[in-house]
Amino acid sequence: MTALGSVPLATGTTANSITFAWTSPALRDFCARFGIRHVLCAAAPDALSGLEHRFCFCCCRGPGKRAFSDPEHRLIRFLAPHLIEARRANLVAYFAACRDEAFRSGLCDRMGLIHHAEPGFPELLRREWPQLRTAHVPASLLAALPGHDAVFEGAAIVIKAKHLGDLVHLQAGRQGRLRRLSPRERLITKPLVCGATYKEIRQTLGIAASTVTKHANSIYRKTGVRNKTQLAEFLKERNNSRSR
């Protein structure tokens, strides 16, 4: 069994066609289970994050179907850069909409394969797992993330996970008490330390009183303080240490 070809593209994308029995036993088992005989794949390196090549999209044919032809290779060679760039632009737009300055975003599937990452995301992962060199999140992180939104707190970083269908949006930031706060909790922190009452915060933000109380209690718990006076002292000490 042989690969039908590998066509390097000017953009750094490669188009490969493979058949059922070529490559690893695990992939052969996967193809057998879903009736896949021929696959035409397009893959590209992530120049921003420096992650390894990974497949961007695949065209499949079942048993009894002909293998992919040279004209089909040429078609993929023409289409792949545009499709990959469109996908990348959509991910960048999504990350921008979810922007949190304290974190860097990555997108992985449920098997842990990283599909896209912002600059700085792989470096943050390596702060927690120095030996990490592949385009997969560590198995220990994957095992710690349930099938719903969750937060992973390591020794060096904190990761917030949000499930998006078959994918998981990961936001990684350096560990620290303030890093654990959500964007809404950070928004409430400022008026809290300035002496605003819960009622005033509720009126300013247009949220329920119970929501303010819930966020305030969460802020106190995550920062290790008991009230807004201690929170103000904590923030003052933190700002003083950073200015030295």
C-alpha atoms as a PDB file:
ATOM      1  CA  MET A   1       0.000   0.000   0.000  1.00  0.00           C
ATOM      2  CA  THR A   2       1.388   3.405  -0.936  1.00  0.00           C
ATOM      3  CA  ALA A   3       0.508   7.043  -0.592  1.00  0.00           C
ATOM      4  CA  LEU A   4      -0.750   8.455  -3.858  1.00  0.00           C
ATOM      5  CA  GLY A   5       1.215  11.655  -3.535  1.00  0.00           C
ATOM      6  CA  SER A   6       2.258  14.698  -1.567  1.00  0.00           C
ATOM      7  CA  VAL A   7       1.993  18.110  -3.200  1.00  0.00           C
ATOM      8  CA  PRO A   8       3.756  21.033  -1.410  1.00  0.00           C
ATOM      9  CA  LEU A   9       1.919  24.333  -1.798  1.00  0.00           C
ATOM     10  CA  ALA A  10       3.373  27.817  -1.973  1.00  0.00           C
ATOM     11  CA  THR A  11       1.612  28.742   1.290  1.00  0.00           C
ATOM     12  CA  GLY A  12       3.182  25.851   3.191  1.00  0.00           C
ATOM     13  CA  THR A  13       0.050  23.718   2.870  1.00  0.00           C
ATOM     14  CA  THR A  14       0.420  20.090   1.772  1.00  0.00           C
ATOM     15  CA  ALA A  15      -2.168  17.941   0.019  1.00  0.00           C
ATOM     16  CA  ASN A  16      -1.896  14.191   0.533  1.00  0.00           C
ATOM     17  CA  SER A  17      -4.032  11.297  -0.645  1.00  0.00           C
ATOM     18  CA  ILE A  18      -3.807   8.076   1.316  1.00  0.00           C
ATOM     19  CA  THR A  19      -5.596   4.760   1.151  1.00  0.00           C
ATOM     20  CA  PHE A  20      -7.150   2.548   3.785  1.00  0.00           C
ATOM     21  CA  ALA A  21      -4.231   0.296   4.715  1.00  0.00           C
ATOM     22  CA  TRP A  22      -1.533   2.973   4.674  1.00  0.00           C
ATOM     23  CA  THR A  23      -0.359   4.551   7.983  1.00  0.00           C
ATOM     24  CA  SER A  24      -0.937   3.466  11.604  1.00  0.00           C
ATOM     25  CA  PRO A  25      -3.038   0.516  12.840  1.00  0.00           C
ATOM     26  CA  ALA A  26      -5.243   2.895  14.839  1.00  0.00           C
ATOM     27  CA  LEU A  27      -6.101   4.890  11.718  1.00  0.00           C
ATOM     28  CA  ARG A  28      -6.689   1.690   9.747  1.00  0.00           C
ATOM     29  CA  ASP A  29      -9.164   0.560  12.422  1.00  0.00           C
ATOM     30  CA  PHE A  30     -10.890   3.943  12.319  1.00  0.00           C
ATOM     31  CA  CYS A  31     -11.201   3.811   8.514  1.00  0.00           C
ATOM     32  CA  ALA A  32     -12.519   0.245   8.621  1.00  0.00           C
ATOM     33  CA  ARG A  33     -15.164   1.181  11.183  1.00  0.00           C
ATOM     34  CA  PHE A  34     -16.511   4.045   9.074  1.00  0.00           C
ATOM     35  CA  GLY A  35     -16.062   2.426   5.654  1.00  0.00           C
ATOM     36  CA  ILE A  36     -13.284   4.719   4.438  1.00  0.00           C
ATOM     37  CA  ARG A  37     -10.975   3.463   1.696  1.00  0.00           C
ATOM     38  CA  HIS A  38      -9.413   6.618   0.201  1.00  0.00           C
ATOM     39  CA  VAL A  39      -8.699   9.975   1.872  1.00  0.00           C
ATOM     40  CA  LEU A  40      -7.521  13.244   0.356  1.00  0.00           C
ATOM     41  CA  CYS A  41      -6.244  15.555   3.099  1.00  0.00           C
ATOM     42  CA  ALA A  42      -5.019  19.120   3.305  1.00  0.00           C
ATOM     43  CA  ALA A  43      -2.757  20.138   6.189  1.00  0.00           C
ATOM     44  CA  ALA A  44      -0.899  23.286   7.168  1.00  0.00           C
ATOM     45  CA  PRO A  45       1.517  24.450   9.876  1.00  0.00           C
ATOM     46  CA  ASP A  46       0.367  27.121  12.309  1.00  0.00           C
ATOM     47  CA  ALA A  47       2.967  29.829  11.710  1.00  0.00           C
ATOM     48  CA  LEU A  48       1.766  31.922  14.666  1.00  0.00           C
ATOM     49  CA  SER A  49       1.900  29.270  17.370  1.00  0.00           C
ATOM     50  CA  GLY A  50       4.610  27.059  15.904  1.00  0.00           C
ATOM     51  CA  LEU A  51       2.523  23.936  16.404  1.00  0.00           C
ATOM     52  CA  GLU A  52       3.026  20.855  14.272  1.00  0.00           C
ATOM     53  CA  HIS A  53       1.192  20.117  11.031  1.00  0.00           C
ATOM     54  CA  ARG A  54      -2.362  18.939  11.436  1.00  0.00           C
ATOM     55  CA  PHE A  55      -5.120  18.067   8.997  1.00  0.00           C
ATOM     56  CA  CYS A  56      -7.395  20.954   8.182  1.00  0.00           C
ATOM     57  CA  PHE A  57      -9.971  19.026   6.165  1.00  0.00           C
ATOM     58  CA  CYS A  58     -10.354  15.653   4.473  1.00  0.00           C
ATOM     59  CA  CYS A  59     -12.290  14.228   1.524  1.00  0.00           C
ATOM     60  CA  CYS A  60     -13.149  10.525   1.862  1.00  0.00           C
ATOM     61  CA  ARG A  61     -14.292   7.718  -0.430  1.00  0.00           C
ATOM     62  CA  GLY A  62     -15.536   4.274   0.527  1.00  0.00           C
ATOM     63  CA  PRO A  63     -14.696   0.782  -0.730  1.00  0.00           C
ATOM     64  CA  GLY A  64     -15.214   0.229  -4.442  1.00  0.00           C
ATOM     65  CA  LYS A  65     -14.624   3.896  -5.247  1.00  0.00           C
ATOM     66  CA  ARG A  66     -11.684   5.074  -7.328  1.00  0.00           C
ATOM     67  CA  ALA A  67      -8.641   6.684  -5.744  1.00  0.00           C
ATOM     68  CA  PHE A  68      -8.226  10.448  -5.918  1.00  0.00           C
ATOM     69  CA  SER A  69      -6.766  11.609  -9.230  1.00  0.00           C
ATOM     70  CA  ASP A  70      -4.080  14.142 -10.118  1.00  0.00           C
ATOM     71  CA  PRO A  71      -6.729  16.720 -11.220  1.00  0.00           C
ATOM     72  CA  GLU A  72      -8.334  16.375  -7.793  1.00  0.00           C
ATOM     73  CA  HIS A  73      -4.942  16.949  -6.210  1.00  0.00           C
ATOM     74  CA  ARG A  74      -4.615  20.124  -8.247  1.00  0.00           C
ATOM     75  CA  LEU A  75      -8.094  21.242  -7.191  1.00  0.00           C
ATOM     76  CA  ILE A  76      -7.171  20.792  -3.523  1.00  0.00           C
ATOM     77  CA  ARG A  77      -3.912  22.617  -4.206  1.00  0.00           C
ATOM     78  CA  PHE A  78      -5.942  25.593  -5.446  1.00  0.00           C
ATOM     79  CA  LEU A  79      -8.686  25.519  -2.790  1.00  0.00           C
ATOM     80  CA  ALA A  80      -6.739  24.589   0.338  1.00  0.00           C
ATOM     81  CA  PRO A  81      -4.991  27.915   1.053  1.00  0.00           C
ATOM     82  CA  HIS A  82      -8.279  29.817   0.740  1.00  0.00           C
ATOM     83  CA  LEU A  83     -10.261  27.392   2.905  1.00  0.00           C
ATOM     84  CA  ILE A  84      -7.547  27.239   5.549  1.00  0.00           C
ATOM     85  CA  GLU A  85      -7.255  31.033   5.672  1.00  0.00           C
ATOM     86  CA  ALA A  86     -11.046  31.451   5.905  1.00  0.00           C
ATOM     87  CA  ARG A  87     -11.150  28.984   8.810  1.00  0.00           C
ATOM     88  CA  ARG A  88      -8.258  30.743  10.515  1.00  0.00           C
ATOM     89  CA  ALA A  89      -9.921  34.146  10.084  1.00  0.00           C
ATOM     90  CA  ASN A  90     -13.133  32.834  11.663  1.00  0.00           C
ATOM     91  CA  LEU A  91     -11.194  31.487  14.643  1.00  0.00           C
ATOM     92  CA  VAL A  92      -9.320  34.766  15.076  1.00  0.00           C
ATOM     93  CA  ALA A  93     -12.657  36.638  15.009  1.00  0.00           C
ATOM     94  CA  TYR A  94     -14.120  34.253  17.603  1.00  0.00           C
ATOM     95  CA  PHE A  95     -11.092  34.645  19.884  1.00  0.00           C
ATOM     96  CA  ALA A  96     -11.315  38.438  19.520  1.00  0.00           C
ATOM     97  CA  ALA A  97     -14.974  38.338  20.573  1.00  0.00           C
ATOM     98  CA  CYS A  98     -13.995  36.314  23.660  1.00  0.00           C
ATOM     99  CA  ARG A  99     -10.919  38.433  24.403  1.00  0.00           C
ATOM    100  CA  ASP A 100      -9.662  38.399  27.955  1.00  0.00           C
ATOM    101  CA  GLU A 101      -6.346  40.242  28.266  1.00  0.00           C
ATOM    102  CA  ALA A 102      -5.194  37.990  31.084  1.00  0.00           C
ATOM    103  CA  PHE A 103      -5.474  34.844  28.951  1.00  0.00           C
ATOM    104  CA  ARG A 104      -4.386  33.335  25.614  1.00  0.00           C
ATOM    105  CA  SER A 105      -6.770  31.103  23.667  1.00  0.00           C
ATOM    106  CA  GLY A 106      -6.466  27.711  22.031  1.00  0.00           C
ATOM    107  CA  LEU A 107      -8.971  25.372  20.405  1.00  0.00           C
ATOM    108  CA  CYS A 108      -8.732  21.594  20.703  1.00  0.00           C
ATOM    109  CA  ASP A 109     -10.961  18.613  20.018  1.00  0.00           C
ATOM    110  CA  ARG A 110     -12.084  16.044  22.579  1.00  0.00           C
ATOM    111  CA  MET A 111      -9.052  13.898  21.769  1.00  0.00           C
ATOM    112  CA  GLY A 112      -6.763  16.760  22.783  1.00  0.00           C
ATOM    113  CA  LEU A 113      -5.517  17.744  19.293  1.00  0.00           C
ATOM    114  CA  ILE A 114      -4.959  21.521  19.159  1.00  0.00           C
ATOM    115  CA  HIS A 115      -6.589  22.950  16.030  1.00  0.00           C
ATOM    116  CA  HIS A 116      -5.630  26.584  16.531  1.00  0.00           C
ATOM    117  CA  ALA A 117      -3.793  28.673  19.106  1.00  0.00           C
ATOM    118  CA  GLU A 118      -3.051  32.320  19.736  1.00  0.00           C
ATOM    119  CA  PRO A 119       0.593  33.413  20.068  1.00  0.00           C
ATOM    120  CA  GLY A 120       1.694  32.675  23.616  1.00  0.00           C
ATOM    121  CA  PHE A 121      -0.736  29.804  24.229  1.00  0.00           C
ATOM    122  CA  PRO A 122       1.816  26.978  23.675  1.00  0.00           C
ATOM    123  CA  GLU A 123       4.358  28.807  25.853  1.00  0.00           C
ATOM    124  CA  LEU A 124       1.828  28.995  28.691  1.00  0.00           C
ATOM    125  CA  LEU A 125       1.169  25.264  28.416  1.00  0.00           C
ATOM    126  CA  ARG A 126       4.920  24.638  28.656  1.00  0.00           C
ATOM    127  CA  ARG A 127       5.081  26.614  31.909  1.00  0.00           C
ATOM    128  CA  GLU A 128       2.996  23.820  33.420  1.00  0.00           C
ATOM    129  CA  TRP A 129       4.314  20.971  31.246  1.00  0.00           C
ATOM    130  CA  PRO A 130       7.924  21.877  30.217  1.00  0.00           C
ATOM    131  CA  GLN A 131       8.381  18.729  28.095  1.00  0.00           C
ATOM    132  CA  LEU A 132       5.344  19.466  25.898  1.00  0.00           C
ATOM    133  CA  ARG A 133       6.391  19.597  22.225  1.00  0.00           C
ATOM    134  CA  THR A 134       3.413  18.168  20.326  1.00  0.00           C
ATOM    135  CA  ALA A 135       0.189  19.659  19.018  1.00  0.00           C
ATOM    136  CA  HIS A 136      -1.820  17.843  21.713  1.00  0.00           C
ATOM    137  CA  VAL A 137      -2.796  19.140  25.126  1.00  0.00           C
ATOM    138  CA  PRO A 138      -1.334  16.998  27.953  1.00  0.00           C
ATOM    139  CA  ALA A 139      -3.288  13.885  28.888  1.00  0.00           C
ATOM    140  CA  SER A 140      -3.490  15.089  32.501  1.00  0.00           C
ATOM    141  CA  LEU A 141      -5.265  18.279  31.363  1.00  0.00           C
ATOM    142  CA  LEU A 142      -7.647  16.363  29.116  1.00  0.00           C
ATOM    143  CA  ALA A 143      -8.508  13.997  31.974  1.00  0.00           C
ATOM    144  CA  ALA A 144      -9.200  16.935  34.296  1.00  0.00           C
ATOM    145  CA  LEU A 145     -11.757  18.507  31.949  1.00  0.00           C
ATOM    146  CA  PRO A 146     -15.259  17.017  32.241  1.00  0.00           C
ATOM    147  CA  GLY A 147     -17.849  17.158  29.498  1.00  0.00           C
ATOM    148  CA  HIS A 148     -18.936  20.651  30.530  1.00  0.00           C
ATOM    149  CA  ASP A 149     -17.349  24.058  31.135  1.00  0.00           C
ATOM    150  CA  ALA A 150     -14.668  23.854  33.809  1.00  0.00           C
ATOM    151  CA  VAL A 151     -11.508  25.448  35.225  1.00  0.00           C
ATOM    152  CA  PHE A 152      -8.153  23.680  35.592  1.00  0.00           C
ATOM    153  CA  GLU A 153      -5.807  25.149  38.195  1.00  0.00           C
ATOM    154  CA  GLY A 154      -2.190  23.997  37.957  1.00  0.00           C
ATOM    155  CA  ALA A 155       0.962  25.046  39.754  1.00  0.00           C
ATOM    156  CA  ALA A 156       1.929  27.622  37.110  1.00  0.00           C
ATOM    157  CA  ILE A 157      -1.184  28.328  35.012  1.00  0.00           C
ATOM    158  CA  VAL A 158      -4.955  28.341  35.150  1.00  0.00           C
ATOM    159  CA  ILE A 159      -7.043  27.150  32.175  1.00  0.00           C
ATOM    160  CA  LYS A 160     -10.707  27.886  31.559  1.00  0.00           C
ATOM    161  CA  ALA A 161     -12.461  25.396  29.271  1.00  0.00           C
ATOM    162  CA  LYS A 162     -15.662  26.054  27.328  1.00  0.00           C
ATOM    163  CA  HIS A 163     -17.178  23.276  25.216  1.00  0.00           C
ATOM    164  CA  LEU A 164     -18.276  24.230  21.697  1.00  0.00           C
ATOM    165  CA  GLY A 165     -19.883  21.144  20.211  1.00  0.00           C
ATOM    166  CA  ASP A 166     -17.075  18.697  19.426  1.00  0.00           C
ATOM    167  CA  LEU A 167     -14.393  21.305  20.195  1.00  0.00           C
ATOM    168  CA  VAL A 168     -13.152  22.874  23.424  1.00  0.00           C
ATOM    169  CA  HIS A 169     -12.111  26.534  23.757  1.00  0.00           C
ATOM    170  CA  LEU A 170      -9.206  26.758  26.199  1.00  0.00           C
ATOM    171  CA  GLN A 171      -8.110  30.046  27.777  1.00  0.00           C
ATOM    172  CA  ALA A 172      -4.752  29.810  29.552  1.00  0.00           C
ATOM    173  CA  GLY A 173      -3.206  32.391  31.886  1.00  0.00           C
ATOM    174  CA  ARG A 174      -0.516  32.514  34.539  1.00  0.00           C
ATOM    175  CA  GLN A 175      -1.601  31.325  37.937  1.00  0.00           C
ATOM    176  CA  GLY A 176      -2.521  34.023  40.420  1.00  0.00           C
ATOM    177  CA  ARG A 177      -5.481  34.926  42.535  1.00  0.00           C
ATOM    178  CA  LEU A 178      -6.720  37.691  40.240  1.00  0.00           C
ATOM    179  CA  ARG A 179      -6.288  35.494  37.162  1.00  0.00           C
ATOM    180  CA  ARG A 180      -9.014  33.232  38.504  1.00  0.00           C
ATOM    181  CA  LEU A 181     -11.641  35.967  38.259  1.00  0.00           C
ATOM    182  CA  SER A 182     -14.094  35.939  35.366  1.00  0.00           C
ATOM    183  CA  PRO A 183     -14.510  39.100  33.221  1.00  0.00           C
ATOM    184  CA  ARG A 184     -17.753  39.964  35.067  1.00  0.00           C
ATOM    185  CA  GLU A 185     -16.063  39.457  38.456  1.00  0.00           C
ATOM    186  CA  ARG A 186     -13.236  41.803  37.408  1.00  0.00           C
ATOM    187  CA  LEU A 187     -15.855  44.358  36.387  1.00  0.00           C
ATOM    188  CA  ILE A 188     -17.447  44.185  39.844  1.00  0.00           C
ATOM    189  CA  THR A 189     -14.110  44.250  41.705  1.00  0.00           C
ATOM    190  CA  LYS A 190     -13.358  47.923  40.938  1.00  0.00           C
ATOM    191  CA  PRO A 191     -16.592  49.413  42.369  1.00  0.00           C
ATOM    192  CA  LEU A 192     -16.344  47.002  45.312  1.00  0.00           C
ATOM    193  CA  VAL A 193     -12.940  48.296  46.409  1.00  0.00           C
ATOM    194  CA  CYS A 194     -14.074  51.889  45.775  1.00  0.00           C
ATOM    195  CA  GLY A 195     -16.772  51.435  48.421  1.00  0.00           C
ATOM    196  CA  ALA A 196     -19.857  51.016  46.228  1.00  0.00           C
ATOM    197  CA  THR A 197     -22.763  49.156  47.800  1.00  0.00           C
ATOM    198  CA  TYR A 198     -24.262  46.045  46.221  1.00  0.00           C
ATOM    199  CA  LYS A 199     -27.343  48.107  45.372  1.00  0.00           C
ATOM    200  CA  GLU A 200     -25.246  50.741  43.574  1.00  0.00           C
ATOM    201  CA  ILE A 201     -23.361  48.057  41.625  1.00  0.00           C
ATOM    202  CA  ARG A 202     -26.663  46.415  40.689  1.00  0.00           C
ATOM    203  CA  GLN A 203     -28.050  49.687  39.371  1.00  0.00           C
ATOM    204  CA  THR A 204     -24.861  50.573  37.469  1.00  0.00           C
ATOM    205  CA  LEU A 205     -24.508  47.186  35.757  1.00  0.00           C
ATOM    206  CA  GLY A 206     -28.219  46.474  35.381  1.00  0.00           C
ATOM    207  CA  ILE A 207     -28.066  43.057  37.031  1.00  0.00           C
ATOM    208  CA  ALA A 208     -29.993  41.372  39.843  1.00  0.00           C
ATOM    209  CA  ALA A 209     -28.973  41.911  43.461  1.00  0.00           C
ATOM    210  CA  SER A 210     -28.529  38.163  43.890  1.00  0.00           C
ATOM    211  CA  THR A 211     -26.078  38.167  40.959  1.00  0.00           C
ATOM    212  CA  VAL A 212     -23.983  40.896  42.584  1.00  0.00           C
ATOM    213  CA  THR A 213     -23.910  38.937  45.850  1.00  0.00           C
ATOM    214  CA  LYS A 214     -22.948  35.733  44.012  1.00  0.00           C
ATOM    215  CA  HIS A 215     -20.084  37.435  42.134  1.00  0.00           C
ATOM    216  CA  ALA A 216     -18.831  39.250  45.251  1.00  0.00           C
ATOM    217  CA  ASN A 217     -18.697  36.015  47.247  1.00  0.00           C
ATOM    218  CA  SER A 218     -16.857  34.343  44.374  1.00  0.00           C
ATOM    219  CA  ILE A 219     -14.343  37.234  44.261  1.00  0.00           C
ATOM    220  CA  TYR A 220     -13.674  36.938  47.987  1.00  0.00           C
ATOM    221  CA  ARG A 221     -13.223  33.169  47.754  1.00  0.00           C
ATOM    222  CA  LYS A 222     -10.871  33.292  44.749  1.00  0.00           C
ATOM    223  CA  THR A 223      -8.695  36.071  46.181  1.00  0.00           C
ATOM    224  CA  GLY A 224      -8.601  34.611  49.691  1.00  0.00           C
ATOM    225  CA  VAL A 225     -10.218  37.580  51.483  1.00  0.00           C
ATOM    226  CA  ARG A 226     -13.353  37.932  53.605  1.00  0.00           C
ATOM    227  CA  ASN A 227     -14.736  41.329  52.638  1.00  0.00           C
ATOM    228  CA  LYS A 228     -14.211  44.334  50.390  1.00  0.00           C
ATOM    229  CA  THR A 229     -11.918  46.045  52.927  1.00  0.00           C
ATOM    230  CA  GLN A 230      -9.510  43.113  52.789  1.00  0.00           C
ATOM    231  CA  LEU A 231      -9.914  43.007  49.008  1.00  0.00           C
ATOM    232  CA  ALA A 232      -8.856  46.652  48.762  1.00  0.00           C
ATOM    233  CA  GLU A 233      -5.820  45.968  50.968  1.00  0.00           C
ATOM    234  CA  PHE A 234      -4.883  42.942  48.853  1.00  0.00           C
ATOM    235  CA  LEU A 235      -5.058  44.960  45.626  1.00  0.00           C
ATOM    236  CA  LYS A 236      -3.076  47.839  47.161  1.00  0.00           C
ATOM    237  CA  GLU A 237      -0.304  45.499  48.296  1.00  0.00           C
ATOM    238  CA  ARG A 238      -0.251  43.822  44.878  1.00  0.00           C
ATOM    239  CA  ASN A 239       0.009  47.167  43.039  1.00  0.00           C
ATOM    240  CA  ASN A 240       2.776  48.342  45.392  1.00  0.00           C
ATOM    241  CA  SER A 241       4.807  45.173  44.825  1.00  0.00           C
ATOM    242  CA  ARG A 242       4.471  45.491  41.044  1.00  0.00           C
ATOM    243  CA  SER A 243       5.641  49.139  41.097  1.00  0.00           C
ATOM    244  CA  ARG A 244       8.857  48.372  43.004  1.00  0.00           C
END
